[in-house]
PDB file of N, CA and C in Angstrom:
ATOM      1  N   MET A   1     -34.859  83.166 -62.388  1.00  0.00           N
ATOM      2  CA  MET A   1     -35.077  81.942 -63.157  1.00  0.00           C
ATOM      3  C   MET A   1     -34.234  81.932 -64.436  1.00  0.00           C
ATOM      4  N   ALA A   2     -33.958  83.104 -64.945  1.00  0.00           N
ATOM      5  CA  ALA A   2     -33.208  83.206 -66.201  1.00  0.00           C
ATOM      6  C   ALA A   2     -31.787  82.666 -66.055  1.00  0.00           C
ATOM      7  N   PHE A   3     -31.281  82.671 -64.818  1.00  0.00           N
ATOM      8  CA  PHE A   3     -29.910  82.226 -64.599  1.00  0.00           C
ATOM      9  C   PHE A   3     -29.717  80.763 -64.995  1.00  0.00           C
ATOM     10  N   LYS A   4     -30.766  79.986 -64.918  1.00  0.00           N
ATOM     11  CA  LYS A   4     -30.662  78.573 -65.281  1.00  0.00           C
ATOM     12  C   LYS A   4     -30.263  78.396 -66.745  1.00  0.00           C
ATOM     13  N   TYR A   5     -30.724  79.306 -67.596  1.00  0.00           N
ATOM     14  CA  TYR A   5     -30.527  79.149 -69.039  1.00  0.00           C
ATOM     15  C   TYR A   5     -29.206  79.722 -69.530  1.00  0.00           C
ATOM     16  N   ILE A   6     -28.474  80.364 -68.623  1.00  0.00           N
ATOM     17  CA  ILE A   6     -27.194  80.941 -69.041  1.00  0.00           C
ATOM     18  C   ILE A   6     -26.098  79.873 -68.976  1.00  0.00           C
ATOM     19  N   GLN A   7     -25.478  79.613 -70.105  1.00  0.00           N
ATOM     20  CA  GLN A   7     -24.388  78.641 -70.158  1.00  0.00           C
ATOM     21  C   GLN A   7     -23.187  79.162 -69.363  1.00  0.00           C
ATOM     22  N   LYS A   8     -22.381  78.257 -68.847  1.00  0.00           N
ATOM     23  CA  LYS A   8     -21.223  78.687 -68.061  1.00  0.00           C
ATOM     24  C   LYS A   8     -20.251  79.497 -68.914  1.00  0.00           C
ATOM     25  N   LYS A   9     -20.135  79.136 -70.174  1.00  0.00           N
ATOM     26  CA  LYS A   9     -19.215  79.863 -71.054  1.00  0.00           C
ATOM     27  C   LYS A   9     -19.714  81.270 -71.349  1.00  0.00           C
ATOM     28  N   ASP A  10     -21.002  81.503 -71.138  1.00  0.00           N
ATOM     29  CA  ASP A  10     -21.587  82.819 -71.424  1.00  0.00           C
ATOM     30  C   ASP A  10     -21.520  83.758 -70.228  1.00  0.00           C
ATOM     31  N   TRP A  11     -21.079  83.245 -69.079  1.00  0.00           N
ATOM     32  CA  TRP A  11     -21.036  84.087 -67.880  1.00  0.00           C
ATOM     33  C   TRP A  11     -20.107  85.274 -68.047  1.00  0.00           C
ATOM     34  N   ASN A  12     -18.970  85.081 -68.731  1.00  0.00           N
ATOM     35  CA  ASN A  12     -18.042  86.194 -68.931  1.00  0.00           C
ATOM     36  C   ASN A  12     -18.702  87.318 -69.724  1.00  0.00           C
ATOM     37  N   LEU A  13     -19.420  86.944 -70.793  1.00  0.00           N
ATOM     38  CA  LEU A  13     -20.101  87.953 -71.591  1.00  0.00           C
ATOM     39  C   LEU A  13     -21.219  88.604 -70.796  1.00  0.00           C
ATOM     40  N   TYR A  14     -21.910  87.807 -70.007  1.00  0.00           N
ATOM     41  CA  TYR A  14     -23.019  88.322 -69.201  1.00  0.00           C
ATOM     42  C   TYR A  14     -22.521  89.324 -68.165  1.00  0.00           C
ATOM     43  N   LEU A  15     -21.420  88.984 -67.483  1.00  0.00           N
ATOM     44  CA  LEU A  15     -20.854  89.890 -66.487  1.00  0.00           C
ATOM     45  C   LEU A  15     -20.316  91.149 -67.143  1.00  0.00           C
ATOM     46  N   LEU A  16     -19.699  90.995 -68.302  1.00  0.00           N
ATOM     47  CA  LEU A  16     -19.178  92.149 -69.026  1.00  0.00           C
ATOM     48  C   LEU A  16     -20.324  93.070 -69.437  1.00  0.00           C
ATOM     49  N   PHE A  17     -21.426  92.469 -69.863  1.00  0.00           N
ATOM     50  CA  PHE A  17     -22.614  93.228 -70.248  1.00  0.00           C
ATOM     51  C   PHE A  17     -23.159  94.001 -69.046  1.00  0.00           C
ATOM     52  N   LEU A  18     -23.196  93.347 -67.888  1.00  0.00           N
ATOM     53  CA  LEU A  18     -23.673  94.018 -66.674  1.00  0.00           C
ATOM     54  C   LEU A  18     -22.749  95.166 -66.295  1.00  0.00           C
ATOM     55  N   LEU A  19     -21.442  94.952 -66.405  1.00  0.00           N
ATOM     56  CA  LEU A  19     -20.491  96.004 -66.072  1.00  0.00           C
ATOM     57  C   LEU A  19     -20.688  97.218 -66.966  1.00  0.00           C
ATOM     58  N   CYS A  20     -20.928  96.977 -68.253  1.00  0.00           N
ATOM     59  CA  CYS A  20     -21.117  98.076 -69.201  1.00  0.00           C
ATOM     60  C   CYS A  20     -22.358  98.896 -68.850  1.00  0.00           C
ATOM     61  N   ILE A  21     -23.347  98.248 -68.258  1.00  0.00           N
ATOM     62  CA  ILE A  21     -24.574  98.954 -67.905  1.00  0.00           C
ATOM     63  C   ILE A  21     -24.471  99.599 -66.517  1.00  0.00           C
ATOM     64  N   ILE A  22     -23.927  98.840 -65.568  1.00  0.00           N
ATOM     65  CA  ILE A  22     -23.904  99.309 -64.181  1.00  0.00           C
ATOM     66  C   ILE A  22     -22.844 100.382 -63.920  1.00  0.00           C
ATOM     67  N   THR A  23     -21.673 100.230 -64.529  1.00  0.00           N
ATOM     68  CA  THR A  23     -20.578 101.166 -64.265  1.00  0.00           C
ATOM     69  C   THR A  23     -20.943 102.628 -64.536  1.00  0.00           C
ATOM     70  N   PRO A  24     -21.522 102.966 -65.700  1.00  0.00           N
ATOM     71  CA  PRO A  24     -21.892 104.363 -65.954  1.00  0.00           C
ATOM     72  C   PRO A  24     -22.925 104.893 -64.962  1.00  0.00           C
ATOM     73  N   VAL A  25     -23.691 103.990 -64.370  1.00  0.00           N
ATOM     74  CA  VAL A  25     -24.716 104.413 -63.412  1.00  0.00           C
ATOM     75  C   VAL A  25     -24.132 104.576 -62.010  1.00  0.00           C
ATOM     76  N   LEU A  26     -23.328 103.606 -61.600  1.00  0.00           N
ATOM     77  CA  LEU A  26     -22.766 103.644 -60.250  1.00  0.00           C
ATOM     78  C   LEU A  26     -21.626 104.644 -60.101  1.00  0.00           C
ATOM     79  N   ALA A  27     -20.857 104.859 -61.143  1.00  0.00           N
ATOM     80  CA  ALA A  27     -19.713 105.765 -61.064  1.00  0.00           C
ATOM     81  C   ALA A  27     -20.107 107.166 -60.579  1.00  0.00           C
ATOM     82  N   PRO A  28     -21.112 107.823 -61.186  1.00  0.00           N
ATOM     83  CA  PRO A  28     -21.519 109.151 -60.716  1.00  0.00           C
ATOM     84  C   PRO A  28     -22.073 109.109 -59.292  1.00  0.00           C
ATOM     85  N   LEU A  29     -22.825 108.063 -58.978  1.00  0.00           N
ATOM     86  CA  LEU A  29     -23.396 107.944 -57.631  1.00  0.00           C
ATOM     87  C   LEU A  29     -22.281 107.790 -56.599  1.00  0.00           C
ATOM     88  N   TYR A  30     -21.306 106.948 -56.911  1.00  0.00           N
ATOM     89  CA  TYR A  30     -20.174 106.735 -56.011  1.00  0.00           C
ATOM     90  C   TYR A  30     -19.389 108.034 -55.841  1.00  0.00           C
ATOM     91  N   PHE A  31     -19.208 108.755 -56.939  1.00  0.00           N
ATOM     92  CA  PHE A  31     -18.466 110.015 -56.909  1.00  0.00           C
ATOM     93  C   PHE A  31     -19.198 111.041 -56.045  1.00  0.00           C
ATOM     94  N   LEU A  32     -20.519 111.119 -56.195  1.00  0.00           N
ATOM     95  CA  LEU A  32     -21.308 112.071 -55.410  1.00  0.00           C
ATOM     96  C   LEU A  32     -21.258 111.721 -53.927  1.00  0.00           C
ATOM     97  N   CYS A  33     -21.381 110.432 -53.611  1.00  0.00           N
ATOM     98  CA  CYS A  33     -21.334 109.997 -52.206  1.00  0.00           C
ATOM     99  C   CYS A  33     -19.958 110.288 -51.619  1.00  0.00           C
ATOM    100  N   TYR A  34     -18.913 110.016 -52.376  1.00  0.00           N
ATOM    101  CA  TYR A  34     -17.551 110.255 -51.915  1.00  0.00           C
ATOM    102  C   TYR A  34     -17.312 111.749 -51.719  1.00  0.00           C
ATOM    103  N   LYS A  35     -17.798 112.556 -52.670  1.00  0.00           N
ATOM    104  CA  LYS A  35     -17.614 114.000 -52.609  1.00  0.00           C
ATOM    105  C   LYS A  35     -18.342 114.586 -51.405  1.00  0.00           C
ATOM    106  N   SER A  36     -19.577 114.151 -51.194  1.00  0.00           N
ATOM    107  CA  SER A  36     -20.375 114.665 -50.073  1.00  0.00           C
ATOM    108  C   SER A  36     -19.770 114.212 -48.742  1.00  0.00           C
ATOM    109  N   ALA A  37     -19.254 112.977 -48.699  1.00  0.00           N
ATOM    110  CA  ALA A  37     -18.664 112.446 -47.467  1.00  0.00           C
ATOM    111  C   ALA A  37     -17.411 113.242 -47.093  1.00  0.00           C
ATOM    112  N   THR A  38     -16.573 113.526 -48.072  1.00  0.00           N
ATOM    113  CA  THR A  38     -15.343 114.261 -47.808  1.00  0.00           C
ATOM    114  C   THR A  38     -15.670 115.719 -47.499  1.00  0.00           C
ATOM    115  N   HIS A  39     -16.751 116.227 -48.079  1.00  0.00           N
ATOM    116  CA  HIS A  39     -17.144 117.622 -47.851  1.00  0.00           C
ATOM    117  C   HIS A  39     -17.635 117.797 -46.414  1.00  0.00           C
ATOM    118  N   VAL A  40     -18.372 116.801 -45.929  1.00  0.00           N
ATOM    119  CA  VAL A  40     -18.899 116.865 -44.571  1.00  0.00           C
ATOM    120  C   VAL A  40     -17.756 116.783 -43.567  1.00  0.00           C
ATOM    121  N   VAL A  41     -16.808 115.876 -43.836  1.00  0.00           N
ATOM    122  CA  VAL A  41     -15.662 115.728 -42.929  1.00  0.00           C
ATOM    123  C   VAL A  41     -14.678 116.850 -43.213  1.00  0.00           C
TER     124      VAL A  41
END
């Protein structure tokens, strides 16, 4: 529901904010999955 209140001009800041939060979390997970996948093969 919150998406309704986000102005179109604010989407860039909103996406940038999400990237700043998600990237540090997904990067290690992606690295671990990639490392384990290559280790198995």
